[in-house]
Protein backbone atom coordinates (compact mmCIF):
# COMPACT_ATOMS: atom_id res chain seq x y z
CA MET A 1 67.44 -11.38 10.42
CA LYS A 2 65.95 -10.16 13.71
CA LYS A 3 63.59 -13.03 14.53
CA PHE A 4 66.09 -14.91 16.61
CA LEU A 5 66.60 -12.02 18.98
CA ALA A 6 63.39 -12.56 20.89
CA LEU A 7 64.21 -15.07 23.59
CA LEU A 8 67.83 -14.03 23.77
CA LEU A 9 67.01 -10.38 24.32
CA THR A 10 64.59 -11.09 27.14
CA VAL A 11 66.95 -13.58 28.73
CA ALA A 12 69.70 -10.96 28.78
CA MET A 13 67.53 -8.34 30.40
CA VAL A 14 66.07 -10.65 33.03
CA PHE A 15 69.53 -11.92 33.93
CA ALA A 16 70.75 -8.35 34.31
CA MET A 17 67.90 -7.60 36.70
CA ALA A 18 68.21 -10.88 38.60
CA ALA A 19 70.69 -9.83 41.27
CA CYS A 20 70.28 -12.24 44.19
CA SER A 21 67.01 -13.84 43.16
CA ALA A 22 66.73 -17.51 42.32
CA PRO A 23 68.75 -18.26 39.17
CA ALA A 24 66.53 -21.12 38.07
CA ALA A 25 63.41 -19.05 37.71
CA ASP A 26 65.28 -16.11 36.18
CA GLU A 27 66.81 -18.09 33.36
CA THR A 28 63.48 -19.06 31.89
CA LYS A 29 61.53 -15.97 32.85
CA PRO A 30 61.52 -14.53 29.30
CA ALA A 31 59.22 -17.33 28.19
CA GLU A 32 57.00 -16.67 31.19
CA GLU A 33 56.71 -12.99 30.35
CA GLY A 34 56.31 -13.63 26.65
CA THR A 35 53.19 -15.76 27.25
CA ALA A 36 51.78 -13.65 30.04
CA ALA A 37 51.29 -10.45 28.01
CA PRO A 38 48.52 -11.79 25.71
CA ALA A 39 46.73 -13.18 28.79
CA GLU A 40 46.52 -9.72 30.32
CA GLU A 41 45.14 -8.25 27.12
CA THR A 42 42.30 -10.82 27.00
CA SER A 43 41.70 -11.23 30.73
CA GLU A 44 38.22 -9.71 30.41
CA GLN A 45 37.34 -11.76 27.33
CA PRO A 46 35.98 -15.32 27.16
CA ALA A 47 38.52 -18.10 27.74
CA ALA A 48 41.13 -18.14 24.97
CA SER A 49 41.57 -21.07 22.64
CA GLY A 50 44.76 -22.95 21.75
CA SER A 51 47.44 -24.32 24.03
CA VAL A 52 51.01 -23.75 25.17
CA TYR A 53 53.79 -26.32 25.23
CA TYR A 54 56.98 -25.24 27.02
CA LEU A 55 60.12 -27.40 26.88
CA ASN A 56 61.88 -26.56 30.14
CA PHE A 57 65.65 -26.27 30.27
CA LYS A 58 66.40 -26.78 33.97
CA PRO A 59 65.17 -29.81 35.94
CA GLU A 60 65.53 -27.94 39.24
CA ALA A 61 62.94 -25.40 38.02
CA ASP A 62 60.36 -28.00 37.01
CA ALA A 63 58.13 -27.64 40.10
CA ALA A 64 58.01 -23.84 39.75
CA TRP A 65 57.08 -24.08 36.06
CA GLN A 66 54.38 -26.68 36.71
CA GLU A 67 52.81 -24.43 39.35
CA LEU A 68 53.00 -21.42 37.02
CA ALA A 69 51.40 -23.40 34.20
CA LYS A 70 48.55 -24.43 36.47
CA LYS A 71 47.86 -20.83 37.55
CA TYR A 72 48.07 -19.58 33.97
CA THR A 73 45.46 -22.13 32.87
CA GLU A 74 43.18 -21.15 35.77
CA LEU A 75 43.38 -17.48 34.77
CA THR A 76 43.07 -17.84 31.00
CA GLY A 77 41.56 -21.22 30.26
CA VAL A 78 44.55 -21.98 28.02
CA PRO A 79 46.03 -25.40 28.76
CA VAL A 80 49.79 -25.31 29.36
CA LYS A 81 52.03 -28.35 29.17
CA VAL A 82 55.52 -28.16 30.66
CA VAL A 83 57.96 -30.91 29.71
CA THR A 84 61.37 -30.88 31.40
CA ALA A 85 64.35 -32.34 29.58
CA ALA A 86 66.82 -34.47 31.50
CA SER A 87 69.96 -32.67 32.65
CA GLY A 88 72.48 -32.45 29.81
CA ASP A 89 70.01 -33.69 27.16
CA TYR A 90 68.17 -30.50 26.26
CA GLN A 91 69.36 -30.17 22.65
CA THR A 92 68.71 -33.84 21.97
CA THR A 93 65.21 -33.57 23.41
CA LEU A 94 64.52 -30.33 21.56
CA THR A 95 65.60 -31.82 18.24
CA SER A 96 63.27 -34.75 18.78
CA GLU A 97 60.33 -32.61 19.88
CA MET A 98 60.69 -30.14 17.00
CA ASP A 99 60.19 -33.00 14.53
CA LYS A 100 56.76 -33.77 15.99
CA SER A 101 53.45 -32.37 14.73
CA GLU A 102 52.93 -30.58 18.06
CA ALA A 103 56.31 -28.95 18.56
CA PRO A 104 57.10 -26.81 21.62
CA THR A 105 55.54 -23.36 21.65
CA LEU A 106 58.34 -22.07 23.85
CA PHE A 107 61.88 -23.34 24.20
CA GLN A 108 65.30 -22.17 25.35
CA CYS A 109 68.07 -20.70 23.17
CA GLY A 110 70.93 -20.07 25.57
CA ASN A 111 73.98 -19.89 23.31
CA GLN A 112 75.09 -19.10 19.78
CA GLY A 113 75.07 -22.75 18.70
CA ALA A 114 71.40 -23.11 19.65
CA LEU A 115 70.52 -19.92 17.77
CA ASN A 116 72.37 -21.11 14.70
CA THR A 117 70.09 -24.16 14.70
CA TRP A 118 66.75 -22.76 15.89
CA GLY A 119 66.96 -19.04 15.17
CA GLU A 120 64.35 -19.10 12.41
CA TYR A 121 61.71 -20.27 14.92
CA CYS A 122 62.25 -17.35 17.28
CA LEU A 123 60.42 -14.02 17.20
CA ASP A 124 61.61 -10.50 17.94
CA LEU A 125 60.21 -9.20 21.23
CA LYS A 126 61.80 -5.78 20.81
CA ASP A 127 58.52 -3.91 20.30
CA THR A 128 56.49 -5.76 22.92
CA ASP A 129 55.21 -4.41 26.23
CA PHE A 130 57.65 -6.71 28.00
CA TYR A 131 60.63 -5.13 26.26
CA LYS A 132 59.35 -1.65 27.17
CA GLU A 133 59.34 -2.62 30.86
CA MET A 134 63.03 -3.60 30.86
CA THR A 135 65.18 -1.38 33.01
CA THR A 136 68.38 -1.29 30.92
CA ASP A 137 69.84 -1.85 27.47
CA ASP A 138 73.38 -1.63 28.79
CA PHE A 139 74.27 -5.21 27.94
CA ASN A 140 72.87 -5.23 24.41
CA LEU A 141 74.76 -4.11 21.31
CA PHE A 142 72.63 -2.22 18.77
CA GLY A 143 73.22 -1.70 15.06
CA GLU A 144 72.79 1.50 13.06
CA ASN A 145 69.10 0.73 12.51
CA GLY A 146 68.43 -0.10 16.15
CA GLU A 147 68.63 -3.86 15.71
CA VAL A 148 70.25 -5.80 18.52
CA LEU A 149 73.57 -7.19 17.25
CA ALA A 150 74.48 -9.15 20.37
CA ALA A 151 73.37 -9.64 23.95
CA VAL A 152 74.73 -11.28 27.09
CA GLY A 153 72.75 -12.56 30.07
CA TYR A 154 74.25 -12.79 33.55
CA HIS A 155 73.28 -12.79 37.21
CA GLU A 156 75.00 -12.83 40.60
CA VAL A 157 75.41 -16.10 42.48
CA LEU A 158 76.12 -16.03 46.21
CA SER A 159 78.60 -18.52 47.63
CA ASP A 160 75.89 -20.51 49.39
CA ARG A 161 74.16 -21.07 46.05
CA PHE A 162 77.11 -22.46 44.06
CA TYR A 163 75.88 -26.04 43.90
CA GLU A 164 72.32 -25.01 43.15
CA GLU A 165 73.63 -22.96 40.23
CA PHE A 166 76.16 -25.38 38.73
CA GLN A 167 74.89 -28.85 39.78
CA ASP A 168 78.50 -30.03 39.46
CA GLU A 169 80.61 -30.99 42.49
CA ALA A 170 83.96 -30.66 40.68
CA ALA A 171 83.12 -27.17 39.38
CA VAL A 172 81.85 -26.00 42.76
CA HIS A 173 85.00 -27.26 44.51
CA TYR A 174 87.11 -25.33 41.97
CA LEU A 175 85.07 -22.17 42.54
CA ARG A 176 85.47 -22.33 46.31
CA LYS A 177 89.26 -22.51 45.90
CA ASN A 178 89.59 -19.88 43.17
CA ALA A 179 86.68 -17.43 43.32
CA ALA A 180 86.78 -15.51 46.59
CA GLY A 181 84.64 -12.38 46.38
CA ARG A 182 81.57 -11.56 44.32
CA LEU A 183 80.75 -13.92 41.47
CA ALA A 184 78.72 -13.14 38.35
CA VAL A 185 77.63 -16.00 36.09
CA ILE A 186 77.08 -15.61 32.35
CA THR A 187 74.50 -18.10 31.10
CA GLY A 188 73.37 -16.67 27.76
CA VAL A 189 75.47 -15.27 24.90
CA ALA A 190 74.43 -14.80 21.28
CA GLY A 191 74.54 -12.39 18.38
CA LEU A 192 73.15 -11.49 14.98
CA ARG A 193 73.84 -14.31 12.57
CA ASP A 194 76.24 -12.82 10.04
CA GLU A 195 79.95 -12.94 9.29
CA LYS A 196 80.67 -10.53 12.16
CA VAL A 197 78.75 -12.44 14.80
CA TYR A 198 81.72 -13.02 17.10
CA GLU A 199 82.87 -9.42 16.74
CA TRP A 200 79.45 -8.32 18.00
CA ILE A 201 79.58 -10.88 20.79
CA GLN A 202 83.05 -9.72 21.86
CA LEU A 203 81.80 -6.13 22.10
CA ALA A 204 78.75 -7.22 24.10
CA MET A 205 80.95 -9.35 26.37
CA THR A 206 83.26 -6.38 26.92
CA GLU A 207 80.32 -4.18 27.92
CA THR A 208 79.00 -6.86 30.30
CA ILE A 209 82.37 -7.53 31.93
CA ALA A 210 83.01 -3.79 32.29
CA ALA A 211 79.62 -3.41 33.97
CA CYS A 212 80.49 -6.24 36.36
CA LEU A 213 83.80 -4.56 37.21
CA LYS A 214 81.99 -1.31 37.97
CA LEU A 215 79.54 -3.17 40.22
CA GLY A 216 82.39 -4.67 42.25
CA PHE A 217 82.37 -8.27 41.01
CA THR A 218 85.75 -9.97 41.36
CA HIS A 219 85.14 -13.09 39.25
CA ILE A 220 82.98 -14.10 36.31
CA ALA A 221 82.02 -17.68 35.47
CA CYS A 222 80.43 -18.87 32.25
CA ARG A 223 78.34 -21.99 32.15
CA PHE A 224 76.95 -23.42 28.94
CA GLU A 225 74.95 -26.58 28.39
CA ASN A 226 77.17 -27.11 25.39
CA GLU A 227 75.96 -30.06 23.35
CA GLU A 228 76.66 -28.33 20.05
CA ARG A 229 80.35 -28.29 20.80
CA GLU A 230 81.59 -27.82 17.24
CA MET A 231 79.41 -24.75 16.71
CA ASP A 232 80.72 -23.12 19.86
CA MET A 233 84.45 -23.46 19.21
CA GLU A 234 84.70 -19.77 18.25
CA MET A 235 82.89 -18.85 21.45
CA GLU A 236 85.40 -20.86 23.45
CA LYS A 237 88.31 -19.08 21.70
CA LEU A 238 86.70 -15.75 22.54
CA LEU A 239 86.45 -16.68 26.22
CA TYR A 240 90.11 -17.71 26.27
CA ARG A 241 91.09 -14.30 24.82
CA PHE A 242 89.43 -12.66 27.82
CA GLY A 243 91.58 -14.85 30.07
CA PHE A 244 88.93 -17.41 31.06
CA LEU A 245 90.18 -20.85 32.07
CA LYS A 246 88.10 -23.98 31.74
CA MET A 247 86.96 -25.33 35.09
CA PRO A 248 87.00 -29.06 35.86
CA SER A 249 83.61 -30.69 35.42
CA GLY A 250 82.18 -33.97 36.60
CA VAL A 251 79.13 -33.71 34.34
CA LYS A 252 79.11 -34.62 30.66
CA ASN A 253 78.58 -31.80 28.11
CA LYS A 254 78.60 -29.02 30.68
CA ASP A 255 81.33 -26.49 30.06
CA ARG A 256 82.25 -24.01 32.78
CA TYR A 257 84.83 -21.20 32.59
CA LEU A 258 86.19 -18.78 35.18
CA VAL A 259 88.22 -15.57 35.06
CA ASP A 260 89.71 -13.51 37.90
CA MET A 261 88.89 -9.80 37.47
CA THR A 262 90.71 -8.52 40.55
CA TYR A 263 93.66 -6.98 38.65
CA PRO A 264 92.93 -7.04 34.91
CA LEU A 265 95.18 -6.16 32.01
CA VAL A 266 93.63 -3.44 29.84
CA LEU A 267 94.22 -3.08 26.10
CA ILE A 268 93.01 -0.17 23.96
CA GLN A 269 92.90 -1.42 20.35
CA ASN A 270 93.50 1.76 18.40
CA VAL A 271 95.53 0.92 15.28
CA SER A 272 92.56 1.58 12.98
CA THR A 273 92.35 5.15 14.33
CA GLU A 274 96.04 5.69 13.47
CA LEU A 275 95.54 4.95 9.75
CA LYS A 276 94.62 7.47 7.09
CA ALA A 277 91.74 7.13 4.65
CA PRO A 278 91.11 5.03 2.62
CA PHE A 279 93.22 2.45 4.45
CA ASP A 280 91.33 2.72 7.73
CA ARG A 281 88.24 1.24 6.02
CA ASN A 282 89.96 -1.05 3.52
CA PRO A 283 88.47 -4.60 3.86
CA ARG A 284 91.85 -6.34 3.74
CA VAL A 285 93.29 -3.94 6.30
CA ARG A 286 90.26 -4.39 8.57
CA LYS A 287 90.61 -8.14 8.31
CA VAL A 288 94.31 -8.16 9.24
CA LEU A 289 93.63 -5.79 12.16
CA LEU A 290 91.02 -8.22 13.47
CA GLU A 291 93.39 -11.19 13.11
CA THR A 292 96.34 -9.41 14.72
CA GLY A 293 94.10 -8.10 17.50
CA HIS A 294 93.12 -11.68 18.33
CA ALA A 295 96.76 -12.78 18.25
CA LEU A 296 97.76 -9.97 20.64
CA LEU A 297 95.02 -10.90 23.12
CA ASP A 298 96.05 -14.56 22.89
CA ALA A 299 99.61 -13.52 23.82
CA MET A 300 98.55 -11.17 26.61
CA LYS A 301 96.41 -13.79 28.35
CA GLU A 302 99.54 -15.92 28.78
CA LEU A 303 101.18 -13.23 30.91
CA TYR A 304 98.88 -13.97 33.85
CA PRO A 305 96.86 -17.13 33.11
CA GLY A 306 93.36 -16.97 34.52
CA ASN A 307 93.40 -13.17 34.94
CA LEU A 308 91.09 -10.94 32.95
CA VAL A 309 92.37 -9.32 29.76
CA ILE A 310 89.81 -6.74 28.67
CA SER A 311 90.15 -4.89 25.38
CA PHE A 312 88.35 -1.76 24.21
CA ASP A 313 87.93 -0.76 20.59
CA ALA A 314 89.10 2.85 20.19
CA GLN A 315 86.57 3.70 17.48
CA HIS A 316 83.73 2.42 19.65
CA MET A 317 85.14 4.35 22.62
CA ASN A 318 85.44 7.52 20.51
CA GLN A 319 81.72 7.38 19.77
CA GLN A 320 80.82 6.76 23.40
CA MET A 321 83.05 9.65 24.46
CA MET A 322 81.33 11.99 22.00
CA ASP A 323 77.93 10.89 23.31
CA LEU A 324 79.02 11.62 26.89
CA ILE A 325 80.56 14.99 26.01
CA THR A 326 77.51 16.17 24.07
CA PHE A 327 75.35 15.09 27.01
CA GLU A 328 77.52 17.16 29.36
CA ASN A 329 77.31 20.07 26.89
CA HIS A 330 73.50 19.75 26.60
CA VAL A 331 73.58 19.44 22.79
CA PRO A 332 72.42 16.74 20.35
CA ALA A 333 74.84 13.86 19.81
CA GLN A 334 74.22 13.98 16.06
CA GLN A 335 75.26 16.89 13.87
CA GLY A 336 72.22 18.39 12.15
CA ALA A 337 72.01 20.54 9.04
CA LYS A 338 72.53 23.56 11.25
CA ARG A 339 75.23 23.44 13.90
CA VAL A 340 73.98 24.61 17.28
CA LEU A 341 76.94 25.04 19.59
CA GLY A 342 76.76 24.36 23.31
CA LYS A 343 78.25 26.74 25.86
CA LYS A 344 81.17 24.45 26.70
CA MET A 345 84.16 23.37 24.63
CA CYS A 346 85.93 20.02 24.44
CA VAL A 347 89.71 19.88 24.82
CA PRO A 348 91.26 16.47 24.12
CA PHE A 349 94.88 16.19 25.27
CA GLY A 350 95.82 12.56 24.52
CA LYS A 351 95.34 10.30 21.53
CA ILE A 352 91.55 9.97 21.78
CA LEU A 353 89.48 12.47 19.77
CA ARG A 354 92.68 14.21 18.68
CA ASP A 355 91.52 14.59 15.05
CA VAL A 356 87.77 14.56 15.74
CA VAL A 357 85.25 17.37 16.05
CA VAL A 358 82.62 16.59 18.68
CA PRO A 359 79.10 17.29 17.30
CA ASN A 360 77.70 20.72 18.17
CA THR A 361 80.71 21.39 20.40
CA VAL A 362 83.71 23.65 19.95
CA THR A 363 86.66 21.22 19.89
CA LYS A 364 90.29 22.25 20.21
CA ALA A 365 93.03 19.79 21.21
CA ILE A 366 96.12 20.37 23.28
CA TYR A 367 98.79 18.35 21.50
CA THR A 368 101.02 16.50 23.95
CA GLU A 369 103.51 13.66 23.76
CA LYS A 370 105.32 11.45 26.26
CA VAL A 371 109.08 11.75 25.70
CA TYR A 372 111.62 9.32 27.16
CA THR A 373 115.20 10.17 28.01
CA ARG A 374 117.93 8.66 25.83
CA ASP A 375 118.42 5.72 28.21
CA ALA A 376 114.63 5.27 28.63
CA SER A 377 114.97 5.53 32.41
CA ALA A 378 112.51 8.43 32.77
CA SER A 379 109.83 10.26 30.81
CA ARG A 380 108.16 13.65 30.72
CA ILE A 381 105.18 15.28 29.00
CA GLU A 382 105.96 17.84 26.30
CA GLU A 383 104.20 19.49 23.40
CA TYR A 384 103.80 17.32 20.31
CA PRO A 385 106.54 17.88 17.70
CA ASN A 386 106.02 20.95 15.48
CA TYR A 387 103.27 22.34 17.75
CA SER A 388 103.39 25.44 19.94
CA PRO A 389 104.75 25.15 23.49
CA LEU A 390 102.19 23.98 26.01
CA PRO A 391 101.74 27.45 27.64
CA THR A 392 100.95 28.92 24.22
CA GLN A 393 98.43 26.18 23.44
CA ILE A 394 96.78 26.77 26.82
CA GLU A 395 96.50 30.52 26.14
CA THR A 396 94.73 29.65 22.88
CA ILE A 397 92.22 27.54 24.83
CA LYS A 398 91.70 30.43 27.27
CA SER A 399 90.94 32.80 24.37
CA PHE A 400 87.73 30.90 23.57
CA LYS A 401 86.26 32.09 26.90
CA ARG A 402 84.25 28.90 27.34
CA PRO A 403 84.00 26.37 30.18
CA VAL A 404 86.25 23.43 29.30
CA ILE A 405 85.57 19.69 29.23
CA LEU A 406 88.94 17.93 29.12
CA ALA A 407 89.05 14.54 27.36
CA ASP A 408 91.51 11.64 27.45
CA ASP A 409 91.39 7.90 26.81
CA ILE A 410 92.32 6.70 30.31
CA LEU A 411 92.97 8.14 33.76
CA HIS A 412 95.26 5.80 35.69
CA LYS A 413 98.74 7.11 36.46
CA GLY A 414 97.72 10.48 35.02
CA ASP A 415 101.08 11.80 33.79
CA ARG A 416 99.43 14.11 31.26
CA ILE A 417 96.73 15.54 33.52
CA LYS A 418 99.24 16.09 36.36
CA LYS A 419 101.27 18.19 33.93
CA LEU A 420 98.42 20.10 32.27
CA TYR A 421 95.83 20.74 34.97
CA PRO A 422 98.03 22.98 37.18
CA MET A 423 99.02 24.95 34.08
CA LEU A 424 95.37 25.36 33.07
CA LYS A 425 94.40 26.52 36.57
CA LYS A 426 97.31 28.97 36.72
CA SER A 427 96.25 30.45 33.38
CA GLY A 428 92.67 30.87 34.56
CA VAL A 429 91.12 28.38 32.13
CA PRO A 430 87.70 27.38 33.57
CA VAL A 431 87.98 23.58 33.55
CA GLU A 432 84.60 22.14 34.46
CA ARG A 433 85.40 18.42 34.38
CA LEU A 434 87.48 15.66 32.87
CA VAL A 435 85.86 13.00 30.69
CA VAL A 436 87.78 9.77 30.07
CA GLY A 437 87.11 6.46 28.37
CA ILE A 438 88.52 4.35 31.22
CA LEU A 439 88.85 5.36 34.86
CA SER A 440 90.77 3.26 37.37
CA GLY A 441 90.61 3.37 41.16
CA HIS A 442 94.01 5.05 41.16
CA GLY A 443 92.66 7.60 38.67
CA THR A 444 89.72 8.29 40.98
CA ASP A 445 92.16 9.00 43.82
CA LEU A 446 94.14 11.32 41.55
CA SER A 447 91.05 13.28 40.50
CA SER A 448 90.17 13.74 44.18
CA MET A 449 93.67 15.00 44.95
CA LEU A 450 93.47 17.44 42.03
CA LYS A 451 89.88 18.37 43.00
CA LEU A 452 88.92 17.75 39.38
CA PRO A 453 85.49 16.17 38.72
CA VAL A 454 85.76 13.20 36.39
CA GLU A 455 83.25 11.21 34.32
CA SER A 456 84.05 7.97 32.52
CA ILE A 457 82.60 5.42 30.13
CA TYR A 458 84.15 2.52 32.03
CA TYR A 459 85.35 2.12 35.61
CA ILE A 460 87.96 -0.51 36.52
CA PRO A 461 88.79 -0.48 40.24
CA ASN A 462 92.26 -2.06 39.95
CA VAL A 463 94.43 -2.14 36.83
CA LYS A 464 97.51 -4.35 36.75
CA ALA A 465 98.76 -2.69 33.55
CA TRP A 466 97.33 -1.05 30.46
CA PHE A 467 98.53 -1.07 26.88
CA GLN A 468 97.78 1.02 23.83
CA GLU A 469 97.97 -1.32 20.86
CA SER A 470 99.71 1.10 18.49
CA THR A 471 102.52 1.83 20.96
CA LEU A 472 103.46 -1.88 20.86
CA TYR A 473 103.84 -1.82 17.07
CA PRO A 474 107.02 -0.23 15.62
CA PHE A 475 106.50 2.39 12.88
CA LEU A 476 102.73 2.45 13.60
CA GLY A 477 103.15 3.97 17.05
CA GLY A 478 105.39 4.25 20.08
CA ASP A 479 106.64 6.68 22.69
CA MET A 480 109.02 9.41 21.61
CA ILE A 481 112.62 9.42 22.73
CA GLU A 482 114.68 12.59 23.00
CA GLN A 483 117.21 13.27 20.27
CA THR A 484 120.54 15.05 20.31
CA GLN A 485 120.20 15.75 16.59
CA LYS A 486 117.28 16.12 14.19
CA SER A 487 116.00 12.88 12.70
CA ARG A 488 116.98 12.51 9.06
CA THR A 489 113.94 10.35 8.29
CA GLY A 490 111.41 13.05 9.11
CA LEU A 491 109.59 10.44 11.22
CA LEU A 492 109.07 10.65 14.99
CA PRO A 493 111.95 8.89 16.80
CA ALA A 494 110.47 6.40 19.22
CA ILE A 495 110.84 3.32 21.35
CA ASN A 496 108.32 0.52 21.77
CA GLN A 497 107.92 -1.24 25.10
CA ILE A 498 108.86 -4.64 23.69
CA LEU A 499 111.99 -6.61 22.91
CA PRO A 500 114.45 -6.23 21.25
CA TYR A 501 114.20 -2.48 21.95
CA VAL A 502 113.70 -2.35 25.73
CA ILE A 503 112.84 -4.63 28.63
CA PRO A 504 109.55 -3.26 30.00
CA GLN A 505 109.76 -2.18 33.65
CA PHE A 506 106.05 -1.94 34.49
CA LEU A 507 105.60 -5.72 34.96
CA PRO A 508 108.80 -6.65 36.80
CA GLU A 509 107.47 -9.99 38.09
CA LEU A 510 107.26 -11.48 34.60
CA GLY A 511 110.05 -13.61 33.20
CA TRP A 512 112.10 -13.43 30.03
CA GLN A 513 110.10 -16.07 28.18
CA GLN A 514 106.79 -14.25 28.69
CA PHE A 515 108.22 -10.95 27.45
CA ASN A 516 109.85 -12.70 24.52
CA ASN A 517 106.59 -14.34 23.44
CA LEU A 518 104.62 -11.10 23.72
CA SER A 519 107.32 -9.18 21.83
CA LEU A 520 107.46 -11.71 19.02
CA ILE A 521 103.70 -11.53 18.53
CA CYS A 522 103.86 -7.71 18.44
CA LEU A 523 106.59 -7.79 15.78
CA LEU A 524 104.78 -10.40 13.70
CA ASN A 525 101.54 -8.41 13.97
CA THR A 526 103.33 -5.23 12.88
CA GLN A 527 104.85 -7.01 9.90
CA LYS A 528 101.47 -8.43 8.82
CA ILE A 529 99.76 -5.04 9.07
CA LEU A 530 102.54 -3.25 7.20
CA ARG A 531 102.63 -5.83 4.42
CA VAL A 532 98.89 -5.52 3.85
CA LEU A 533 99.19 -1.72 3.86
CA GLU A 534 102.08 -1.93 1.39
CA ALA A 535 100.13 -4.26 -0.92
CA GLU A 536 96.99 -2.09 -0.84
CA TYR A 537 99.02 1.07 -1.38
CA GLN A 538 100.74 -0.53 -4.39
CA LYS A 539 97.35 -1.57 -5.77
CA GLY A 540 95.83 1.87 -5.30
CA PHE A 541 98.71 4.17 -6.26
CA GLY A 542 100.95 2.04 -8.44
CA ARG A 543 104.09 2.60 -6.38
CA ASN A 544 105.78 1.13 -3.33
CA LEU A 545 104.88 2.20 0.20
CA THR A 546 108.41 2.80 1.42
CA LEU A 547 109.50 4.12 4.80
CA GLY A 548 109.71 7.60 3.28
CA ARG A 549 106.07 7.39 2.14
CA LEU A 550 104.68 5.73 5.27
CA GLY A 551 103.06 9.04 6.27
CA GLU A 552 100.71 8.66 3.29
CA ALA A 553 99.05 5.69 4.99
CA VAL A 554 99.72 6.29 8.72
CA LYS A 555 98.72 9.54 10.43
CA ASP A 556 101.79 9.87 12.65
CA PRO A 557 104.41 7.29 11.65
CA TYR A 558 107.18 6.67 14.17
CA CYS A 559 110.71 5.55 13.42
CA VAL A 560 112.41 2.99 15.61
CA ASP A 561 115.29 4.69 17.38
CA VAL A 562 118.56 3.24 16.09
CA GLY A 563 120.90 5.66 17.85
CA SER A 564 123.10 8.49 16.65
CA HIS A 565 124.95 8.43 13.31
CA VAL A 566 122.74 5.63 11.96
CA THR A 567 120.15 6.34 9.27
CA LEU A 568 117.44 4.08 7.91
CA ASP A 569 117.03 3.89 4.13
CA LEU A 570 113.78 5.69 3.28
CA ASN A 571 113.43 3.69 0.04
CA VAL A 572 112.99 0.39 1.92
CA PRO A 573 109.51 -0.75 3.08
CA ALA A 574 109.07 -0.58 6.84
CA SER A 575 108.11 -4.27 6.93
CA GLU A 576 111.69 -5.17 5.93
CA TYR A 577 113.06 -3.45 9.00
CA ILE A 578 110.61 -5.40 11.15
CA GLU A 579 111.99 -8.61 9.63
CA ASN A 580 115.45 -7.56 10.84
CA ASP A 581 114.11 -6.97 14.36
CA ILE A 582 112.41 -10.38 14.39
CA ILE A 583 115.78 -11.95 13.59
CA ARG A 584 117.45 -9.88 16.34
CA LEU A 585 114.84 -11.08 18.83
CA LYS A 586 115.49 -14.69 17.83
CA HIS A 587 119.21 -14.09 18.38
CA LEU A 588 118.49 -12.89 21.91
CA LYS A 589 116.22 -15.84 22.59
CA ASN A 590 118.85 -18.32 21.45
CA LEU A 591 121.48 -16.68 23.64
CA VAL A 592 119.25 -16.66 26.74
CA ASP A 593 117.87 -20.16 26.19
């Protein structure tokens, strides 16, 4: 399974280290390094036997490769033949050459389609001296056993090198009109060949794009020599979900894509963390969450075509947060047979890590909730329903007599931290720092104003808007709304920032049609998830998952606010109420249209 990782892995690392150096040489440098290592080992031995045949990918690099081959032969005595395929004909040439008795010793696998075809001929370089010299693994995704699940290769291209990089006048003209600022170019993407390959690739792409954002890039382009077009259709869909648009091209079989990262939309996909066991790991539930997640991203990219939509998996972020917190607490990230506690304690105060114990770390949450006024015109931060008042919870934290690491999923507007931090300081709680999953530029400013040190997994300089997936889905999440009387359902009364419940105010420049489309997808996604949950609950427990029993599958089920003196029937499945709201939305659409 791991053989195919060899060339891909080295390509990714060399691209990451490339910076402003010549792209042509960087793209094929893995092959150069892969052949050079044995030469060094035998440099004091008699001339080696055998030969090397390299099928070069880029015509513009031919002269450099020919010179390198000549020097390699002079040093080792090993003859090296470099054959350069014509531009746009690499896969055709490779197919032909691989059928010959003397097939290429080294060749290029630059995308998933190529790996699907030639993966069995590639070797794993993970344990080689070359791999050990790499400066970062940040853009690789590793499995539980240390295997690389996916990797992405990119490098920076300066504006005076656009044509040299793309060799396409139409694409370069488009870039000069639409890509002001720093440009990163992704040229290699691939993943472990199994049924989850594009899930791994999406995670690796997210890590790469997030790294580019942190480094100050404003645009990312993807260029693929895509002759295996049918095999790469899923890759193209994935790019579109990130907001990439296809650039015009004057060259056959060369696909180029561009996305503007100046003001991205951010989505935290957290529905799986809101479900109880065993439903959170149920295969059918996992499948529908993947499908609905894709549908939501497809809808979000239509809000601002060409702008980045970056999504973060909450479970993946939870693990990264625990790794960062244990590092700050100077304890192992894995819980051993004997728990050795660090001196500091972790205090989550949002949705992230709320029901999690950080390894080797005292963990105690402050339970908070955003509560909207009845007319949804304003909101405030309060204690979570049925929990002690915030001052009492803070006194409990103080009683531990430990330095505190606060934890939250994102620091952007900072409503929660602006409420809690002054209360913590007033009570004398020794807050050492705040750790968040995502930190925006605005959040950085806020931490400076509060004089609160902050660490983050991801840094996004400018955020147009951010969404938590569960809060868009009725009954599965939402924001609480104040009540004049106790809810008869026993569920948390809430609103969701979609139609037909409210017209969101945080993106005022968008039109009715865009909100309507996003809202419809959210309702349809909710209905699909609930129906799968209801079916799996029926299969497992032999009874219906009604609204009254929803808490047996969902950790904190919310109830759509229907106003005073109106009660929902607890014996009806929640998916039926979503069907009613879909019809209401269609009524509104017909009236407006």
